[in-house]
Amino acid sequence: MALAIALIALVISAVLFHVFSPWWYTPLASNWALIDTTLSITLLITGAVFIAVNIFIAWCIVRFRQRDGHRATVQQDNRKLEHWLIGLTALGIAAMLAPGLFVYADLIHAPPKAAVIEAIGQQWQWRFRLPGPDGQLGSTDVRFISPTNPFGLNPADPRGQDDILINAPEVHLPVNQPVKILLRSQDVLHDFFVQPFRTRMNMVPGMVTSFWLTPTRTGRYEILCAQLCGVGHFNMRGYVVVDDEAAYQVWLDKQRVTLASATVNTRPLAPPISGTSPVNALASQGQSLAQSKGCVACHSPTTAAGVGPGWQGLYGKHERLAGGASALVDDAYLREAITSPNSKRVEGFQPVMPKIELNDQEVNALIAYIKSLSAKPAATTARQ
């Protein structure tokens, strides 16, 4: 009897939690109400099954409990009941899947006049690309990826010469205008997920996936990778900023000015992070790069070790390598560790660092940042 009461209490608690849970009041920033409807249908069907099954089990516990002089009997076969259960299950699954097929078909077919942007995922960072004045994105190929061409643009395609390249984890969108988002991955499976948009899409290596939406509310929304993509997955974050028309044009003009002042397919380093006081401008650029490239997912700016060694106090230290050898951490050591990861493995750490395409200036900036951390007093105990 106690178990039956517990099951009934579980059902009541689950229903009350669903009705009063905060997600019903999450601010919305997209036009995909159909996804909400599809989710509601799924919750309604699965919720009804959950309630029915638990109430049935509670009823069976009470109705067929063992009592003096009465024992439950076993019914080996009931074809009629089996047919009903198979039919109802099939009907319920079809009712959940069918709306999703229509929603997905609409999700990947953008309106003809939708603006186009491209989001590129790589362990553990985001990049973005927008069409230039010609309104077309140039072709890309992994064969062309290099430190001076991290987007993999085809140098022979004239359509890509004016593309706006954003080598940073933030992109802006205009409010109340449909936008088609093209998705590429340069290494492993990722997923572009902005929770308030209420939709997401996988980024599959070797494919270009896409979806579209119409942002309906200005604001700054976080981009998450919703597929486990490695040890730094938790730190693969970016931002989508939805602007009004005037603010979006100011931002877009700024990107075009940056493009005009840069070499084709090469982007300047990101500006220093505000509120920091690195020893020089190059170290400040390195700090910004460590954030945008996802280095901080594995390396701490303190002496605390994570997936990789901490950076504070690292420069000038003798690291013990796998196999028993020792190496002095100087400029040459850091350069090799950044450009050829896993060529020398520090004892106690796994060879899991991905290779990230960086130009010489970016490598120098990261080295300068690590050196600047070594000049600060230790905040924690270094890993031996």
Protein backbone atom coordinates (compact mmCIF):
# COMPACT_ATOMS: atom_id res chain seq x y z
CA MET A 1 0.00 0.00 0.00
CA ALA A 2 2.85 2.37 0.85
CA LEU A 3 4.34 1.82 -2.62
CA ALA A 4 1.01 2.64 -4.29
CA ILE A 5 0.76 5.86 -2.30
CA ALA A 6 4.34 6.76 -3.27
CA LEU A 7 3.56 6.25 -6.96
CA ILE A 8 0.47 8.46 -6.80
CA ALA A 9 2.49 11.16 -4.98
CA LEU A 10 5.17 10.91 -7.68
CA VAL A 11 2.60 11.47 -10.43
CA ILE A 12 1.06 14.47 -8.65
CA SER A 13 4.50 16.00 -8.00
CA ALA A 14 5.58 15.56 -11.63
CA VAL A 15 2.42 17.20 -12.95
CA LEU A 16 2.69 20.14 -10.53
CA PHE A 17 6.38 20.62 -11.40
CA HIS A 18 5.53 20.69 -15.11
CA VAL A 19 2.72 23.21 -14.65
CA PHE A 20 4.66 25.57 -12.41
CA SER A 21 8.23 25.07 -13.70
CA PRO A 22 10.09 28.29 -14.67
CA TRP A 23 10.81 27.25 -18.26
CA TRP A 24 7.31 28.26 -19.24
CA TYR A 25 8.37 31.89 -18.64
CA THR A 26 11.75 31.84 -20.43
CA PRO A 27 12.15 34.99 -22.60
CA LEU A 28 11.84 34.15 -26.27
CA ALA A 29 14.01 35.52 -29.06
CA SER A 30 12.84 33.72 -32.18
CA ASN A 31 9.77 33.02 -34.25
CA TRP A 32 9.74 29.26 -33.81
CA ALA A 33 6.43 28.86 -31.99
CA LEU A 34 5.89 25.65 -33.98
CA ILE A 35 8.76 24.06 -32.08
CA ASP A 36 7.00 24.96 -28.83
CA THR A 37 3.82 23.35 -30.16
CA THR A 38 5.69 20.18 -31.15
CA LEU A 39 7.32 20.03 -27.73
CA SER A 40 3.95 20.50 -26.04
CA ILE A 41 2.47 17.61 -28.07
CA THR A 42 5.37 15.37 -27.06
CA LEU A 43 5.04 16.33 -23.39
CA LEU A 44 1.28 15.79 -23.51
CA ILE A 45 1.56 12.29 -24.98
CA THR A 46 4.49 11.12 -22.86
CA GLY A 47 2.95 12.74 -19.80
CA ALA A 48 -0.36 10.93 -20.34
CA VAL A 49 1.48 7.61 -20.71
CA PHE A 50 3.54 8.33 -17.58
CA ILE A 51 0.40 9.07 -15.56
CA ALA A 52 -1.52 6.07 -16.93
CA VAL A 53 1.29 3.58 -16.35
CA ASN A 54 1.97 4.70 -12.78
CA ILE A 55 -1.72 4.79 -11.83
CA PHE A 56 -2.16 1.32 -13.37
CA ILE A 57 0.79 -0.03 -11.36
CA ALA A 58 -0.60 1.54 -8.17
CA TRP A 59 -4.02 -0.01 -8.88
CA CYS A 60 -2.44 -3.43 -9.50
CA ILE A 61 -0.51 -3.22 -6.23
CA VAL A 62 -3.74 -2.60 -4.33
CA ARG A 63 -6.06 -4.83 -6.35
CA PHE A 64 -3.85 -7.88 -6.63
CA ARG A 65 -1.97 -7.70 -3.34
CA GLN A 66 -1.53 -10.95 -1.50
CA ARG A 67 -4.12 -11.43 1.22
CA ASP A 68 -5.18 -14.30 3.44
CA GLY A 69 -6.72 -16.96 1.25
CA HIS A 70 -6.11 -15.01 -1.95
CA ARG A 71 -3.11 -15.27 -4.28
CA ALA A 72 -2.48 -13.47 -7.57
CA THR A 73 -2.68 -15.63 -10.69
CA VAL A 74 -0.52 -15.41 -13.81
CA GLN A 75 -2.11 -14.95 -17.23
CA GLN A 76 0.42 -16.27 -19.72
CA ASP A 77 -1.00 -14.77 -22.90
CA ASN A 78 -3.49 -12.10 -23.98
CA ARG A 79 -3.29 -11.45 -27.74
CA LYS A 80 -6.08 -8.89 -27.68
CA LEU A 81 -4.29 -6.78 -25.06
CA GLU A 82 -1.01 -7.08 -26.99
CA HIS A 83 -2.64 -5.84 -30.20
CA TRP A 84 -4.19 -2.88 -28.40
CA LEU A 85 -0.88 -1.94 -26.79
CA ILE A 86 1.01 -2.21 -30.10
CA GLY A 87 -1.61 -0.11 -31.90
CA LEU A 88 -1.76 2.59 -29.24
CA THR A 89 2.06 2.75 -28.99
CA ALA A 90 2.40 3.10 -32.77
CA LEU A 91 -0.27 5.80 -32.82
CA GLY A 92 1.44 7.72 -30.00
CA ILE A 93 4.87 7.57 -31.69
CA ALA A 94 3.39 8.73 -34.99
CA ALA A 95 1.62 11.61 -33.24
CA MET A 96 4.94 12.73 -31.74
CA LEU A 97 7.05 12.31 -34.89
CA ALA A 98 4.72 13.67 -37.58
CA PRO A 99 4.63 17.32 -36.36
CA GLY A 100 8.42 17.27 -36.00
CA LEU A 101 8.86 16.28 -39.65
CA PHE A 102 6.86 19.31 -40.81
CA VAL A 103 8.67 21.63 -38.40
CA TYR A 104 12.08 20.34 -39.51
CA ALA A 105 11.20 20.77 -43.18
CA ASP A 106 10.33 24.40 -42.48
CA LEU A 107 13.40 24.87 -40.28
CA ILE A 108 15.89 24.09 -43.05
CA HIS A 109 14.10 25.95 -45.88
CA ALA A 110 14.77 29.64 -45.37
CA PRO A 111 12.75 32.40 -47.08
CA PRO A 112 14.30 33.57 -50.37
CA LYS A 113 15.24 37.00 -48.98
CA ALA A 114 16.79 35.75 -45.75
CA ALA A 115 20.22 37.13 -44.87
CA VAL A 116 23.02 34.55 -44.73
CA ILE A 117 25.78 34.07 -42.16
CA GLU A 118 28.11 31.16 -41.60
CA ALA A 119 29.14 29.77 -38.21
CA ILE A 120 32.27 27.63 -38.03
CA GLY A 121 33.00 25.36 -35.08
CA GLN A 122 36.42 24.09 -34.10
CA GLN A 123 37.76 22.72 -30.82
CA TRP A 124 36.96 24.86 -28.83
CA GLN A 125 36.13 28.10 -30.58
CA TRP A 126 33.65 29.83 -32.89
CA ARG A 127 34.25 31.84 -36.07
CA PHE A 128 31.76 33.58 -38.34
CA ARG A 129 31.61 34.68 -41.96
CA LEU A 130 29.23 37.10 -43.69
CA PRO A 131 28.84 37.93 -47.38
CA GLY A 132 30.53 41.10 -48.61
CA PRO A 133 28.99 43.71 -50.93
CA ASP A 134 28.38 41.06 -53.63
CA GLY A 135 25.95 39.28 -51.29
CA GLN A 136 27.58 35.87 -51.82
CA LEU A 137 29.85 33.70 -49.72
CA GLY A 138 32.93 32.29 -51.39
CA SER A 139 33.59 28.56 -51.53
CA THR A 140 35.73 26.84 -48.90
CA ASP A 141 37.73 23.64 -48.54
CA VAL A 142 39.71 22.10 -45.70
CA ARG A 143 42.72 21.90 -48.06
CA PHE A 144 43.06 25.69 -47.88
CA ILE A 145 43.07 25.97 -44.07
CA SER A 146 46.29 27.52 -42.81
CA PRO A 147 47.40 30.02 -40.13
CA THR A 148 46.79 32.86 -42.61
CA ASN A 149 43.54 31.33 -43.89
CA PRO A 150 41.78 29.76 -40.88
CA PHE A 151 38.41 29.85 -42.67
CA GLY A 152 39.65 27.68 -45.54
CA LEU A 153 38.57 30.16 -48.24
CA ASN A 154 39.22 29.16 -51.81
CA PRO A 155 41.73 31.78 -53.07
CA ALA A 156 40.60 31.17 -56.66
CA ASP A 157 36.96 32.04 -55.95
CA PRO A 158 36.36 35.78 -56.53
CA ARG A 159 33.12 35.65 -54.53
CA GLY A 160 35.10 35.14 -51.33
CA GLN A 161 37.47 38.07 -51.72
CA ASP A 162 35.07 40.49 -50.02
CA ASP A 163 33.67 38.09 -47.39
CA ILE A 164 33.54 39.56 -43.89
CA LEU A 165 35.58 37.27 -41.64
CA ILE A 166 35.02 37.37 -37.88
CA ASN A 167 37.77 35.45 -36.12
CA ALA A 168 36.08 35.90 -32.73
CA PRO A 169 33.25 34.16 -30.85
CA GLU A 170 30.64 36.91 -31.30
CA VAL A 171 28.35 37.76 -34.19
CA HIS A 172 25.51 40.27 -34.59
CA LEU A 173 22.09 39.76 -36.19
CA PRO A 174 19.42 42.30 -37.17
CA VAL A 175 16.15 42.11 -35.27
CA ASN A 176 12.92 41.11 -37.05
CA GLN A 177 14.75 39.94 -40.18
CA PRO A 178 14.98 36.29 -41.25
CA VAL A 179 18.52 34.91 -41.14
CA LYS A 180 19.80 31.66 -42.63
CA ILE A 181 22.69 30.22 -40.59
CA LEU A 182 25.10 27.92 -42.43
CA LEU A 183 27.08 25.60 -40.17
CA ARG A 184 30.51 24.02 -40.72
CA SER A 185 32.80 22.01 -38.49
CA GLN A 186 36.55 21.91 -39.08
CA ASP A 187 37.31 18.90 -36.91
CA VAL A 188 34.71 16.93 -34.91
CA LEU A 189 30.96 16.92 -34.36
CA HIS A 190 29.68 20.16 -32.81
CA ASP A 191 26.22 21.66 -32.33
CA PHE A 192 25.14 25.31 -32.65
CA PHE A 193 22.69 25.97 -29.83
CA VAL A 194 21.35 29.34 -28.66
CA GLN A 195 18.84 28.40 -25.99
CA PRO A 196 16.47 31.42 -26.25
CA PHE A 197 16.14 30.75 -30.00
CA ARG A 198 14.60 27.38 -29.06
CA THR A 199 16.29 25.56 -31.92
CA ARG A 200 19.65 24.02 -32.69
CA MET A 201 21.51 22.14 -35.41
CA ASN A 202 24.41 19.69 -35.57
CA MET A 203 27.64 20.71 -37.28
CA VAL A 204 28.97 17.64 -39.08
CA PRO A 205 32.54 17.47 -40.45
CA GLY A 206 32.48 17.37 -44.25
CA MET A 207 28.93 18.76 -44.48
CA VAL A 208 27.25 22.15 -44.50
CA THR A 209 24.08 22.09 -42.41
CA SER A 210 21.72 25.01 -41.99
CA PHE A 211 18.60 26.38 -40.37
CA TRP A 212 16.88 29.75 -40.26
CA LEU A 213 15.16 31.94 -37.75
CA THR A 214 13.82 35.45 -37.26
CA PRO A 215 15.15 37.09 -34.07
CA THR A 216 12.29 39.04 -32.50
CA ARG A 217 13.95 40.53 -29.44
CA THR A 218 17.18 42.47 -29.07
CA GLY A 219 19.72 41.21 -26.59
CA ARG A 220 22.93 39.25 -26.13
CA TYR A 221 22.50 35.49 -26.13
CA GLU A 222 25.05 32.79 -25.38
CA ILE A 223 26.06 30.21 -27.98
CA LEU A 224 26.70 26.73 -26.62
CA CYS A 225 28.04 23.61 -28.26
CA ALA A 226 25.44 20.93 -27.53
CA GLN A 227 27.56 17.96 -28.64
CA LEU A 228 30.36 16.57 -26.50
CA CYS A 229 33.38 17.55 -28.60
CA GLY A 230 36.36 16.92 -26.31
CA VAL A 231 37.84 17.88 -22.97
CA GLY A 232 37.29 21.61 -23.60
CA HIS A 233 33.65 21.19 -24.64
CA PHE A 234 32.32 23.04 -21.59
CA ASN A 235 34.21 26.19 -22.57
CA MET A 236 33.12 26.30 -26.24
CA ARG A 237 30.99 29.39 -25.84
CA GLY A 238 30.20 32.41 -27.96
CA TYR A 239 27.55 35.11 -28.29
CA VAL A 240 24.84 36.20 -30.69
CA VAL A 241 23.92 39.87 -30.32
CA VAL A 242 20.54 40.86 -31.77
CA ASP A 243 20.58 44.57 -32.67
CA ASP A 244 18.07 47.04 -33.97
CA GLU A 245 18.68 48.15 -37.57
CA ALA A 246 20.79 51.20 -36.71
CA ALA A 247 23.06 49.39 -34.26
CA TYR A 248 23.45 46.46 -36.65
CA GLN A 249 24.56 48.75 -39.48
CA VAL A 250 27.12 50.42 -37.22
CA TRP A 251 28.53 47.00 -36.30
CA LEU A 252 28.51 45.82 -39.93
CA ASP A 253 30.27 48.97 -41.14
CA LYS A 254 32.92 48.43 -38.48
CA GLN A 255 33.53 44.90 -39.75
CA ARG A 256 33.88 46.20 -43.31
CA VAL A 257 36.40 48.82 -42.21
CA THR A 258 38.37 46.09 -40.45
CA LEU A 259 38.24 43.98 -43.60
CA ALA A 260 39.49 46.85 -45.74
CA SER A 261 42.49 47.38 -43.45
CA ALA A 262 43.49 43.71 -43.33
CA THR A 263 45.19 41.38 -45.78
CA VAL A 264 42.81 39.06 -47.63
CA ASN A 265 41.94 36.01 -45.50
CA THR A 266 43.96 37.31 -42.53
CA ARG A 267 42.26 38.84 -39.53
CA PRO A 268 43.87 41.13 -36.95
CA LEU A 269 44.08 39.94 -33.40
CA ALA A 270 41.14 40.64 -31.13
CA PRO A 271 41.40 43.75 -28.93
CA PRO A 272 42.60 43.37 -25.35
CA ILE A 273 40.09 42.32 -22.75
CA SER A 274 38.84 45.31 -20.81
CA GLY A 275 39.69 45.51 -17.13
CA THR A 276 42.99 43.63 -17.40
CA SER A 277 46.49 44.94 -16.89
CA PRO A 278 48.95 42.76 -18.89
CA VAL A 279 52.56 43.84 -19.05
CA ASN A 280 52.27 44.96 -22.66
CA ALA A 281 49.91 45.12 -25.61
CA LEU A 282 51.16 41.83 -27.09
CA ALA A 283 50.45 39.98 -23.85
CA SER A 284 46.99 41.58 -23.78
CA GLN A 285 46.34 40.25 -27.27
CA GLY A 286 47.53 36.84 -26.10
CA GLN A 287 45.08 36.93 -23.21
CA SER A 288 42.25 37.67 -25.63
CA LEU A 289 43.40 34.85 -27.91
CA ALA A 290 43.52 32.40 -25.01
CA GLN A 291 39.82 33.10 -24.47
CA SER A 292 38.67 33.14 -28.10
CA LYS A 293 40.69 30.06 -29.14
CA GLY A 294 39.49 28.01 -26.17
CA CYS A 295 42.95 27.61 -24.57
CA VAL A 296 41.49 28.43 -21.14
CA ALA A 297 39.34 25.31 -21.37
CA CYS A 298 42.42 23.25 -20.50
CA HIS A 299 45.03 25.72 -19.16
CA SER A 300 44.53 27.85 -16.08
CA PRO A 301 46.10 31.33 -15.80
CA THR A 302 47.16 30.26 -12.29
CA THR A 303 49.50 27.45 -11.26
CA ALA A 304 46.54 25.09 -10.88
CA ALA A 305 46.72 22.21 -13.35
CA GLY A 306 43.71 21.25 -15.43
CA VAL A 307 43.69 19.11 -18.54
CA GLY A 308 47.04 20.80 -19.25
CA PRO A 309 49.63 22.57 -17.09
CA GLY A 310 48.78 25.89 -15.47
CA TRP A 311 50.49 28.91 -17.04
CA GLN A 312 51.41 30.97 -14.01
CA GLY A 313 55.08 30.45 -13.22
CA LEU A 314 55.47 28.09 -16.18
CA TYR A 315 57.95 30.20 -18.16
CA GLY A 316 61.50 29.50 -17.03
CA LYS A 317 60.52 26.29 -15.28
CA HIS A 318 62.03 22.87 -16.02
CA GLU A 319 59.19 20.54 -16.99
CA ARG A 320 59.56 16.79 -16.55
CA LEU A 321 58.53 15.05 -19.76
CA ALA A 322 57.06 11.61 -20.29
CA GLY A 323 59.93 9.14 -20.37
CA GLY A 324 61.98 10.92 -17.74
CA ALA A 325 63.57 13.73 -19.78
CA SER A 326 63.48 17.38 -18.70
CA ALA A 327 62.96 20.53 -20.76
CA LEU A 328 63.35 24.23 -20.03
CA VAL A 329 60.17 26.21 -20.74
CA ASP A 330 61.45 29.07 -22.89
CA ASP A 331 60.24 30.76 -26.09
CA ALA A 332 61.31 27.85 -28.29
CA TYR A 333 59.63 25.30 -26.03
CA LEU A 334 56.35 27.24 -25.94
CA ARG A 335 56.38 27.81 -29.69
CA GLU A 336 56.76 24.09 -30.32
CA ALA A 337 54.10 23.24 -27.75
CA ILE A 338 51.63 25.64 -29.40
CA THR A 339 52.33 24.88 -33.07
CA SER A 340 53.07 21.14 -32.70
CA PRO A 341 51.01 20.00 -29.72
CA ASN A 342 51.80 16.60 -28.22
CA SER A 343 55.28 16.48 -29.79
CA LYS A 344 56.57 16.64 -26.20
CA ARG A 345 54.25 15.40 -23.49
CA VAL A 346 54.59 16.65 -19.94
CA GLU A 347 54.57 13.84 -17.43
CA GLY A 348 51.16 13.37 -15.83
CA PHE A 349 49.15 14.83 -18.73
CA GLN A 350 47.45 13.15 -21.67
CA PRO A 351 48.29 13.98 -25.33
CA VAL A 352 44.88 15.49 -26.12
CA MET A 353 45.73 19.05 -27.17
CA PRO A 354 44.21 19.83 -30.60
CA LYS A 355 46.20 21.64 -33.27
CA ILE A 356 44.90 25.17 -33.79
CA GLU A 357 45.96 27.14 -36.84
CA LEU A 358 47.72 30.31 -35.67
CA ASN A 359 49.89 32.81 -37.52
CA ASP A 360 53.26 33.97 -36.16
CA GLN A 361 51.80 37.10 -34.57
CA GLU A 362 49.21 35.07 -32.67
CA VAL A 363 51.81 32.57 -31.46
CA ASN A 364 54.03 35.42 -30.27
CA ALA A 365 51.07 36.97 -28.45
CA LEU A 366 50.28 33.74 -26.60
CA ILE A 367 53.95 33.32 -25.63
CA ALA A 368 54.02 36.92 -24.36
CA TYR A 369 50.90 36.30 -22.29
CA ILE A 370 52.33 33.13 -20.71
CA LYS A 371 55.58 34.98 -19.95
CA SER A 372 53.62 37.81 -18.33
CA LEU A 373 51.88 35.33 -16.02
CA SER A 374 55.24 33.97 -14.92
CA ALA A 375 56.15 37.44 -13.60
CA LYS A 376 53.22 37.36 -11.15
CA PRO A 377 53.34 35.81 -7.67
CA ALA A 378 51.92 32.31 -7.51
CA ALA A 379 48.26 32.11 -6.49
CA THR A 380 48.14 28.35 -5.88
CA THR A 381 50.49 25.45 -5.41
CA ALA A 382 52.06 24.31 -8.66
CA ARG A 383 51.63 20.77 -9.83
CA GLN A 384 54.85 18.78 -9.44
